[in-house]
């Protein structure tokens, strides 16, 4: 595994969350913000790992792949289906 690729991916995925925490520096200490950031990242990592393990136990791999590709376009298709004409 390429550690630089993993690092850049991690930063890209979590950058918006980190920017939001920067605004909390006005209200909280740096230590509290860093602990909150790391707690949130670890919580999301563990939750996604457990969800993946549970899904992998009950569903075949090809179905998970198909579901993942459909899920990536889901917000756009849902918006189109729920928009009512004027």
PDB file of N, CA and C in Angstrom:
ATOM      1  N   UNK A   1       0.839  -1.181   0.000  1.00  0.00           N
ATOM      2  CA  UNK A   1       0.000   0.000   0.000  1.00  0.00           C
ATOM      3  C   UNK A   1       0.886   1.248   0.000  1.00  0.00           C
ATOM      4  N   UNK A   2       0.490   2.207  -0.763  1.00  0.00           N
ATOM      5  CA  UNK A   2       1.226   3.457  -0.854  1.00  0.00           C
ATOM      6  C   UNK A   2       0.777   4.386   0.280  1.00  0.00           C
ATOM      7  N   UNK A   3       1.675   4.681   1.206  1.00  0.00           N
ATOM      8  CA  UNK A   3       1.326   5.493   2.375  1.00  0.00           C
ATOM      9  C   UNK A   3       0.971   6.928   1.992  1.00  0.00           C
ATOM     10  N   UNK A   4       1.613   7.454   0.958  1.00  0.00           N
ATOM     11  CA  UNK A   4       1.295   8.822   0.520  1.00  0.00           C
ATOM     12  C   UNK A   4      -0.102   8.904  -0.068  1.00  0.00           C
ATOM     13  N   UNK A   5      -0.494   7.895  -0.823  1.00  0.00           N
ATOM     14  CA  UNK A   5      -1.837   7.857  -1.387  1.00  0.00           C
ATOM     15  C   UNK A   5      -2.880   7.740  -0.284  1.00  0.00           C
ATOM     16  N   UNK A   6      -2.609   6.915   0.697  1.00  0.00           N
ATOM     17  CA  UNK A   6      -3.526   6.797   1.823  1.00  0.00           C
ATOM     18  C   UNK A   6      -3.627   8.105   2.611  1.00  0.00           C
ATOM     19  N   UNK A   7      -2.510   8.782   2.792  1.00  0.00           N
ATOM     20  CA  UNK A   7      -2.506  10.052   3.520  1.00  0.00           C
ATOM     21  C   UNK A   7      -3.292  11.125   2.779  1.00  0.00           C
ATOM     22  N   UNK A   8      -3.069  11.232   1.479  1.00  0.00           N
ATOM     23  CA  UNK A   8      -3.780  12.235   0.685  1.00  0.00           C
ATOM     24  C   UNK A   8      -5.270  11.923   0.658  1.00  0.00           C
ATOM     25  N   UNK A   9      -5.628  10.665   0.542  1.00  0.00           N
ATOM     26  CA  UNK A   9      -7.044  10.279   0.554  1.00  0.00           C
ATOM     27  C   UNK A   9      -7.677  10.613   1.896  1.00  0.00           C
ATOM     28  N   UNK A  10      -6.972  10.314   2.981  1.00  0.00           N
ATOM     29  CA  UNK A  10      -7.492  10.624   4.310  1.00  0.00           C
ATOM     30  C   UNK A  10      -7.707  12.119   4.472  1.00  0.00           C
ATOM     31  N   UNK A  11      -6.749  12.920   4.051  1.00  0.00           N
ATOM     32  CA  UNK A  11      -6.881  14.373   4.167  1.00  0.00           C
ATOM     33  C   UNK A  11      -8.022  14.900   3.308  1.00  0.00           C
ATOM     34  N   UNK A  12      -8.164  14.374   2.103  1.00  0.00           N
ATOM     35  CA  UNK A  12      -9.230  14.843   1.218  1.00  0.00           C
ATOM     36  C   UNK A  12     -10.602  14.514   1.779  1.00  0.00           C
ATOM     37  N   UNK A  13     -10.738  13.343   2.353  1.00  0.00           N
ATOM     38  CA  UNK A  13     -12.034  12.931   2.888  1.00  0.00           C
ATOM     39  C   UNK A  13     -12.371  13.695   4.161  1.00  0.00           C
ATOM     40  N   UNK A  14     -11.397  13.970   4.998  1.00  0.00           N
ATOM     41  CA  UNK A  14     -11.652  14.579   6.304  1.00  0.00           C
ATOM     42  C   UNK A  14     -11.372  16.075   6.356  1.00  0.00           C
ATOM     43  N   UNK A  15     -11.029  16.683   5.252  1.00  0.00           N
ATOM     44  CA  UNK A  15     -10.659  18.097   5.269  1.00  0.00           C
ATOM     45  C   UNK A  15     -11.826  18.993   5.660  1.00  0.00           C
ATOM     46  N   UNK A  16     -13.018  18.722   5.188  1.00  0.00           N
ATOM     47  CA  UNK A  16     -14.160  19.563   5.541  1.00  0.00           C
ATOM     48  C   UNK A  16     -14.460  19.488   7.042  1.00  0.00           C
ATOM     49  N   UNK A  17     -14.346  18.288   7.606  1.00  0.00           N
ATOM     50  CA  UNK A  17     -14.548  18.117   9.036  1.00  0.00           C
ATOM     51  C   UNK A  17     -13.488  18.882   9.825  1.00  0.00           C
ATOM     52  N   UNK A  18     -12.261  18.849   9.354  1.00  0.00           N
ATOM     53  CA  UNK A  18     -11.171  19.558  10.021  1.00  0.00           C
ATOM     54  C   UNK A  18     -11.382  21.066   9.961  1.00  0.00           C
ATOM     55  N   UNK A  19     -11.827  21.585   8.825  1.00  0.00           N
ATOM     56  CA  UNK A  19     -12.069  23.028   8.691  1.00  0.00           C
ATOM     57  C   UNK A  19     -13.168  23.471   9.654  1.00  0.00           C
ATOM     58  N   UNK A  20     -14.204  22.658   9.804  1.00  0.00           N
ATOM     59  CA  UNK A  20     -15.251  22.999  10.769  1.00  0.00           C
ATOM     60  C   UNK A  20     -14.699  23.051  12.195  1.00  0.00           C
ATOM     61  N   UNK A  21     -13.792  22.149  12.493  1.00  0.00           N
ATOM     62  CA  UNK A  21     -13.213  22.153  13.837  1.00  0.00           C
ATOM     63  C   UNK A  21     -12.296  23.351  14.062  1.00  0.00           C
ATOM     64  N   UNK A  22     -11.739  23.908  12.996  1.00  0.00           N
ATOM     65  CA  UNK A  22     -10.914  25.108  13.164  1.00  0.00           C
ATOM     66  C   UNK A  22     -11.721  26.264  13.746  1.00  0.00           C
ATOM     67  N   UNK A  23     -13.002  26.339  13.385  1.00  0.00           N
ATOM     68  CA  UNK A  23     -13.846  27.395  13.932  1.00  0.00           C
ATOM     69  C   UNK A  23     -14.115  27.200  15.417  1.00  0.00           C
ATOM     70  N   UNK A  24     -13.982  25.976  15.884  1.00  0.00           N
ATOM     71  CA  UNK A  24     -14.185  25.714  17.306  1.00  0.00           C
ATOM     72  C   UNK A  24     -13.014  26.182  18.166  1.00  0.00           C
ATOM     73  N   UNK A  25     -11.896  26.518  17.524  1.00  0.00           N
ATOM     74  CA  UNK A  25     -10.733  26.990  18.285  1.00  0.00           C
ATOM     75  C   UNK A  25     -11.013  28.310  18.998  1.00  0.00           C
ATOM     76  N   UNK A  26     -11.995  29.070  18.506  1.00  0.00           N
ATOM     77  CA  UNK A  26     -12.351  30.316  19.173  1.00  0.00           C
ATOM     78  C   UNK A  26     -13.042  30.052  20.508  1.00  0.00           C
ATOM     79  N   UNK A  27     -13.706  28.895  20.594  1.00  0.00           N
ATOM     80  CA  UNK A  27     -14.496  28.595  21.774  1.00  0.00           C
ATOM     81  C   UNK A  27     -13.813  27.610  22.720  1.00  0.00           C
ATOM     82  N   UNK A  28     -12.996  26.689  22.162  1.00  0.00           N
ATOM     83  CA  UNK A  28     -12.377  25.633  22.952  1.00  0.00           C
ATOM     84  C   UNK A  28     -10.863  25.662  22.794  1.00  0.00           C
ATOM     85  N   UNK A  29     -10.176  24.958  23.677  1.00  0.00           N
ATOM     86  CA  UNK A  29      -8.717  24.892  23.594  1.00  0.00           C
ATOM     87  C   UNK A  29      -8.303  23.967  22.453  1.00  0.00           C
ATOM     88  N   UNK A  30      -7.044  24.075  22.054  1.00  0.00           N
ATOM     89  CA  UNK A  30      -6.518  23.256  20.959  1.00  0.00           C
ATOM     90  C   UNK A  30      -6.611  21.776  21.328  1.00  0.00           C
ATOM     91  N   UNK A  31      -6.314  21.456  22.564  1.00  0.00           N
ATOM     92  CA  UNK A  31      -6.364  20.056  22.999  1.00  0.00           C
ATOM     93  C   UNK A  31      -7.774  19.481  22.868  1.00  0.00           C
ATOM     94  N   UNK A  32      -8.781  20.229  23.290  1.00  0.00           N
ATOM     95  CA  UNK A  32     -10.162  19.759  23.180  1.00  0.00           C
ATOM     96  C   UNK A  32     -10.574  19.563  21.719  1.00  0.00           C
ATOM     97  N   UNK A  33     -10.151  20.457  20.856  1.00  0.00           N
ATOM     98  CA  UNK A  33     -10.497  20.350  19.438  1.00  0.00           C
ATOM     99  C   UNK A  33      -9.815  19.141  18.814  1.00  0.00           C
ATOM    100  N   UNK A  34      -8.543  18.926  19.128  1.00  0.00           N
ATOM    101  CA  UNK A  34      -7.819  17.781  18.560  1.00  0.00           C
ATOM    102  C   UNK A  34      -8.411  16.471  19.078  1.00  0.00           C
ATOM    103  N   UNK A  35      -8.727  16.421  20.368  1.00  0.00           N
ATOM    104  CA  UNK A  35      -9.344  15.213  20.929  1.00  0.00           C
ATOM    105  C   UNK A  35     -10.708  14.971  20.281  1.00  0.00           C
ATOM    106  N   UNK A  36     -11.475  16.007  20.066  1.00  0.00           N
ATOM    107  CA  UNK A  36     -12.768  15.868  19.395  1.00  0.00           C
ATOM    108  C   UNK A  36     -12.624  15.396  17.962  1.00  0.00           C
ATOM    109  N   UNK A  37     -11.650  15.936  17.248  1.00  0.00           N
ATOM    110  CA  UNK A  37     -11.394  15.545  15.864  1.00  0.00           C
ATOM    111  C   UNK A  37     -10.987  14.071  15.792  1.00  0.00           C
ATOM    112  N   UNK A  38     -10.032  13.676  16.627  1.00  0.00           N
ATOM    113  CA  UNK A  38      -9.574  12.289  16.611  1.00  0.00           C
ATOM    114  C   UNK A  38     -10.671  11.331  17.065  1.00  0.00           C
ATOM    115  N   UNK A  39     -11.456  11.731  18.036  1.00  0.00           N
ATOM    116  CA  UNK A  39     -12.562  10.886  18.488  1.00  0.00           C
ATOM    117  C   UNK A  39     -13.582  10.675  17.372  1.00  0.00           C
ATOM    118  N   UNK A  40     -13.901  11.740  16.663  1.00  0.00           N
ATOM    119  CA  UNK A  40     -14.847  11.629  15.555  1.00  0.00           C
ATOM    120  C   UNK A  40     -14.331  10.751  14.436  1.00  0.00           C
ATOM    121  N   UNK A  41     -13.061  10.911  14.084  1.00  0.00           N
ATOM    122  CA  UNK A  41     -12.468  10.105  13.012  1.00  0.00           C
ATOM    123  C   UNK A  41     -12.430   8.635  13.403  1.00  0.00           C
ATOM    124  N   UNK A  42     -12.008   8.338  14.636  1.00  0.00           N
ATOM    125  CA  UNK A  42     -11.941   6.946  15.087  1.00  0.00           C
ATOM    126  C   UNK A  42     -13.346   6.342  15.161  1.00  0.00           C
ATOM    127  N   UNK A  43     -14.310   7.096  15.641  1.00  0.00           N
ATOM    128  CA  UNK A  43     -15.683   6.605  15.720  1.00  0.00           C
ATOM    129  C   UNK A  43     -16.229   6.261  14.332  1.00  0.00           C
ATOM    130  N   UNK A  44     -16.022   7.151  13.370  1.00  0.00           N
ATOM    131  CA  UNK A  44     -16.486   6.884  12.008  1.00  0.00           C
ATOM    132  C   UNK A  44     -15.747   5.716  11.376  1.00  0.00           C
ATOM    133  N   UNK A  45     -14.465   5.598  11.643  1.00  0.00           N
ATOM    134  CA  UNK A  45     -13.682   4.483  11.107  1.00  0.00           C
ATOM    135  C   UNK A  45     -14.174   3.147  11.650  1.00  0.00           C
ATOM    136  N   UNK A  46     -14.385   3.079  12.954  1.00  0.00           N
ATOM    137  CA  UNK A  46     -14.859   1.838  13.567  1.00  0.00           C
ATOM    138  C   UNK A  46     -16.275   1.510  13.083  1.00  0.00           C
ATOM    139  N   UNK A  47     -17.147   2.523  13.002  1.00  0.00           N
ATOM    140  CA  UNK A  47     -18.520   2.279  12.546  1.00  0.00           C
ATOM    141  C   UNK A  47     -18.548   1.779  11.106  1.00  0.00           C
ATOM    142  N   UNK A  48     -17.736   2.367  10.236  1.00  0.00           N
ATOM    143  CA  UNK A  48     -17.724   1.919   8.837  1.00  0.00           C
ATOM    144  C   UNK A  48     -17.127   0.524   8.707  1.00  0.00           C
ATOM    145  N   UNK A  49     -16.116   0.216   9.511  1.00  0.00           N
ATOM    146  CA  UNK A  49     -15.537  -1.122   9.487  1.00  0.00           C
ATOM    147  C   UNK A  49     -16.555  -2.167   9.933  1.00  0.00           C
ATOM    148  N   UNK A  50     -17.251  -1.883  11.026  1.00  0.00           N
ATOM    149  CA  UNK A  50     -18.247  -2.828  11.524  1.00  0.00           C
ATOM    150  C   UNK A  50     -19.405  -2.989  10.547  1.00  0.00           C
ATOM    151  N   UNK A  51     -19.854  -1.886   9.944  1.00  0.00           N
ATOM    152  CA  UNK A  51     -20.939  -1.979   8.963  1.00  0.00           C
ATOM    153  C   UNK A  51     -20.500  -2.810   7.763  1.00  0.00           C
ATOM    154  N   UNK A  52     -19.279  -2.632   7.312  1.00  0.00           N
ATOM    155  CA  UNK A  52     -18.766  -3.424   6.198  1.00  0.00           C
ATOM    156  C   UNK A  52     -18.676  -4.892   6.529  1.00  0.00           C
ATOM    157  N   UNK A  53     -18.220  -5.221   7.733  1.00  0.00           N
ATOM    158  CA  UNK A  53     -18.132  -6.620   8.151  1.00  0.00           C
ATOM    159  C   UNK A  53     -19.515  -7.261   8.240  1.00  0.00           C
ATOM    160  N   UNK A  54     -20.484  -6.530   8.792  1.00  0.00           N
ATOM    161  CA  UNK A  54     -21.841  -7.070   8.912  1.00  0.00           C
ATOM    162  C   UNK A  54     -22.442  -7.302   7.525  1.00  0.00           C
ATOM    163  N   UNK A  55     -22.294  -6.322   6.633  1.00  0.00           N
ATOM    164  CA  UNK A  55     -22.830  -6.478   5.279  1.00  0.00           C
ATOM    165  C   UNK A  55     -22.140  -7.615   4.533  1.00  0.00           C
ATOM    166  N   UNK A  56     -20.843  -7.765   4.721  1.00  0.00           N
ATOM    167  CA  UNK A  56     -20.103  -8.825   4.034  1.00  0.00           C
ATOM    168  C   UNK A  56     -20.526 -10.213   4.519  1.00  0.00           C
ATOM    169  N   UNK A  57     -20.999 -10.303   5.743  1.00  0.00           N
ATOM    170  CA  UNK A  57     -21.449 -11.594   6.268  1.00  0.00           C
ATOM    171  C   UNK A  57     -22.762 -12.046   5.643  1.00  0.00           C
ATOM    172  N   UNK A  58     -23.626 -11.092   5.302  1.00  0.00           N
ATOM    173  CA  UNK A  58     -24.970 -11.442   4.857  1.00  0.00           C
ATOM    174  C   UNK A  58     -25.206 -11.286   3.356  1.00  0.00           C
ATOM    175  N   UNK A  59     -24.392 -10.503   2.684  1.00  0.00           N
ATOM    176  CA  UNK A  59     -24.615 -10.245   1.259  1.00  0.00           C
ATOM    177  C   UNK A  59     -23.407 -10.687   0.445  1.00  0.00           C
ATOM    178  N   UNK A  60     -23.642 -11.174  -0.779  1.00  0.00           N
ATOM    179  CA  UNK A  60     -22.507 -11.557  -1.621  1.00  0.00           C
ATOM    180  C   UNK A  60     -21.728 -10.333  -2.107  1.00  0.00           C
ATOM    181  N   UNK A  61     -20.482 -10.558  -2.457  1.00  0.00           N
ATOM    182  CA  UNK A  61     -19.592  -9.457  -2.836  1.00  0.00           C
ATOM    183  C   UNK A  61     -20.075  -8.722  -4.081  1.00  0.00           C
ATOM    184  N   UNK A  62     -20.592  -9.450  -5.064  1.00  0.00           N
ATOM    185  CA  UNK A  62     -21.046  -8.786  -6.296  1.00  0.00           C
ATOM    186  C   UNK A  62     -22.224  -7.862  -6.023  1.00  0.00           C
ATOM    187  N   UNK A  63     -23.093  -8.232  -5.069  1.00  0.00           N
ATOM    188  CA  UNK A  63     -24.233  -7.382  -4.725  1.00  0.00           C
ATOM    189  C   UNK A  63     -23.775  -6.123  -3.998  1.00  0.00           C
ATOM    190  N   UNK A  64     -22.785  -6.260  -3.126  1.00  0.00           N
ATOM    191  CA  UNK A  64     -22.245  -5.085  -2.433  1.00  0.00           C
ATOM    192  C   UNK A  64     -21.603  -4.116  -3.420  1.00  0.00           C
ATOM    193  N   UNK A  65     -20.883  -4.662  -4.426  1.00  0.00           N
ATOM    194  CA  UNK A  65     -20.283  -3.802  -5.447  1.00  0.00           C
ATOM    195  C   UNK A  65     -21.326  -3.074  -6.266  1.00  0.00           C
ATOM    196  N   UNK A  66     -22.367  -3.769  -6.640  1.00  0.00           N
ATOM    197  CA  UNK A  66     -23.448  -3.137  -7.405  1.00  0.00           C
ATOM    198  C   UNK A  66     -24.156  -2.083  -6.566  1.00  0.00           C
ATOM    199  N   UNK A  67     -24.423  -2.420  -5.309  1.00  0.00           N
ATOM    200  CA  UNK A  67     -25.087  -1.496  -4.409  1.00  0.00           C
ATOM    201  C   UNK A  67     -24.238  -0.242  -4.195  1.00  0.00           C
ATOM    202  N   UNK A  68     -22.915  -0.418  -4.083  1.00  0.00           N
ATOM    203  CA  UNK A  68     -22.022   0.728  -3.917  1.00  0.00           C
ATOM    204  C   UNK A  68     -22.013   1.635  -5.129  1.00  0.00           C
ATOM    205  N   UNK A  69     -22.065   1.049  -6.319  1.00  0.00           N
ATOM    206  CA  UNK A  69     -22.075   1.885  -7.526  1.00  0.00           C
ATOM    207  C   UNK A  69     -23.414   2.599  -7.677  1.00  0.00           C
ATOM    208  N   UNK A  70     -24.499   1.966  -7.276  1.00  0.00           N
ATOM    209  CA  UNK A  70     -25.810   2.622  -7.327  1.00  0.00           C
ATOM    210  C   UNK A  70     -25.915   3.696  -6.261  1.00  0.00           C
ATOM    211  N   UNK A  71     -25.340   3.438  -5.119  1.00  0.00           N
ATOM    212  CA  UNK A  71     -25.417   4.369  -3.990  1.00  0.00           C
ATOM    213  C   UNK A  71     -24.676   5.669  -4.285  1.00  0.00           C
ATOM    214  N   UNK A  72     -23.645   5.612  -5.126  1.00  0.00           N
ATOM    215  CA  UNK A  72     -22.879   6.828  -5.408  1.00  0.00           C
ATOM    216  C   UNK A  72     -23.687   7.828  -6.217  1.00  0.00           C
ATOM    217  N   UNK A  73     -24.715   7.380  -6.942  1.00  0.00           N
ATOM    218  CA  UNK A  73     -25.564   8.298  -7.709  1.00  0.00           C
ATOM    219  C   UNK A  73     -26.899   8.541  -7.031  1.00  0.00           C
ATOM    220  N   UNK A  74     -27.120   7.968  -5.847  1.00  0.00           N
ATOM    221  CA  UNK A  74     -28.399   8.034  -5.177  1.00  0.00           C
ATOM    222  C   UNK A  74     -28.907   9.453  -4.888  1.00  0.00           C
ATOM    223  N   UNK A  75     -28.097  10.388  -4.390  1.00  0.00           N
ATOM    224  CA  UNK A  75     -28.654  11.717  -4.084  1.00  0.00           C
ATOM    225  C   UNK A  75     -29.212  12.418  -5.310  1.00  0.00           C
ATOM    226  N   UNK A  76     -28.613  12.176  -6.466  1.00  0.00           N
ATOM    227  CA  UNK A  76     -29.083  12.848  -7.672  1.00  0.00           C
ATOM    228  C   UNK A  76     -30.391  12.238  -8.157  1.00  0.00           C
ATOM    229  N   UNK A  77     -30.519  10.938  -8.132  1.00  0.00           N
ATOM    230  CA  UNK A  77     -31.744  10.306  -8.603  1.00  0.00           C
ATOM    231  C   UNK A  77     -32.900  10.552  -7.646  1.00  0.00           C
ATOM    232  N   UNK A  78     -32.640  10.604  -6.353  1.00  0.00           N
ATOM    233  CA  UNK A  78     -33.703  10.859  -5.389  1.00  0.00           C
ATOM    234  C   UNK A  78     -34.245  12.270  -5.563  1.00  0.00           C
ATOM    235  N   UNK A  79     -33.378  13.226  -5.767  1.00  0.00           N
ATOM    236  CA  UNK A  79     -33.816  14.603  -5.948  1.00  0.00           C
ATOM    237  C   UNK A  79     -34.677  14.729  -7.197  1.00  0.00           C
ATOM    238  N   UNK A  80     -34.299  14.049  -8.264  1.00  0.00           N
ATOM    239  CA  UNK A  80     -35.058  14.119  -9.499  1.00  0.00           C
ATOM    240  C   UNK A  80     -36.430  13.468  -9.334  1.00  0.00           C
ATOM    241  N   UNK A  81     -36.520  12.405  -8.568  1.00  0.00           N
ATOM    242  CA  UNK A  81     -37.783  11.713  -8.406  1.00  0.00           C
ATOM    243  C   UNK A  81     -38.735  12.471  -7.468  1.00  0.00           C
ATOM    244  N   UNK A  82     -38.222  13.215  -6.509  1.00  0.00           N
ATOM    245  CA  UNK A  82     -39.080  13.879  -5.550  1.00  0.00           C
ATOM    246  C   UNK A  82     -39.411  15.307  -5.942  1.00  0.00           C
ATOM    247  N   UNK A  83     -38.821  15.851  -6.979  1.00  0.00           N
ATOM    248  CA  UNK A  83     -39.111  17.218  -7.404  1.00  0.00           C
ATOM    249  C   UNK A  83     -40.437  17.219  -8.149  1.00  0.00           C
ATOM    250  N   UNK A  84     -41.305  18.099  -7.717  1.00  0.00           N
ATOM    251  CA  UNK A  84     -42.632  18.189  -8.356  1.00  0.00           C
ATOM    252  C   UNK A  84     -42.616  19.313  -9.385  1.00  0.00           C
ATOM    253  N   UNK A  85     -43.268  19.100 -10.521  1.00  0.00           N
ATOM    254  CA  UNK A  85     -43.351  20.182 -11.518  1.00  0.00           C
ATOM    255  C   UNK A  85     -44.227  21.314 -11.026  1.00  0.00           C
ATOM    256  N   UNK A  86     -43.976  22.521 -11.517  1.00  0.00           N
ATOM    257  CA  UNK A  86     -44.761  23.693 -11.098  1.00  0.00           C
ATOM    258  C   UNK A  86     -46.116  23.717 -11.737  1.00  0.00           C
TER     259      UNK A  86
END
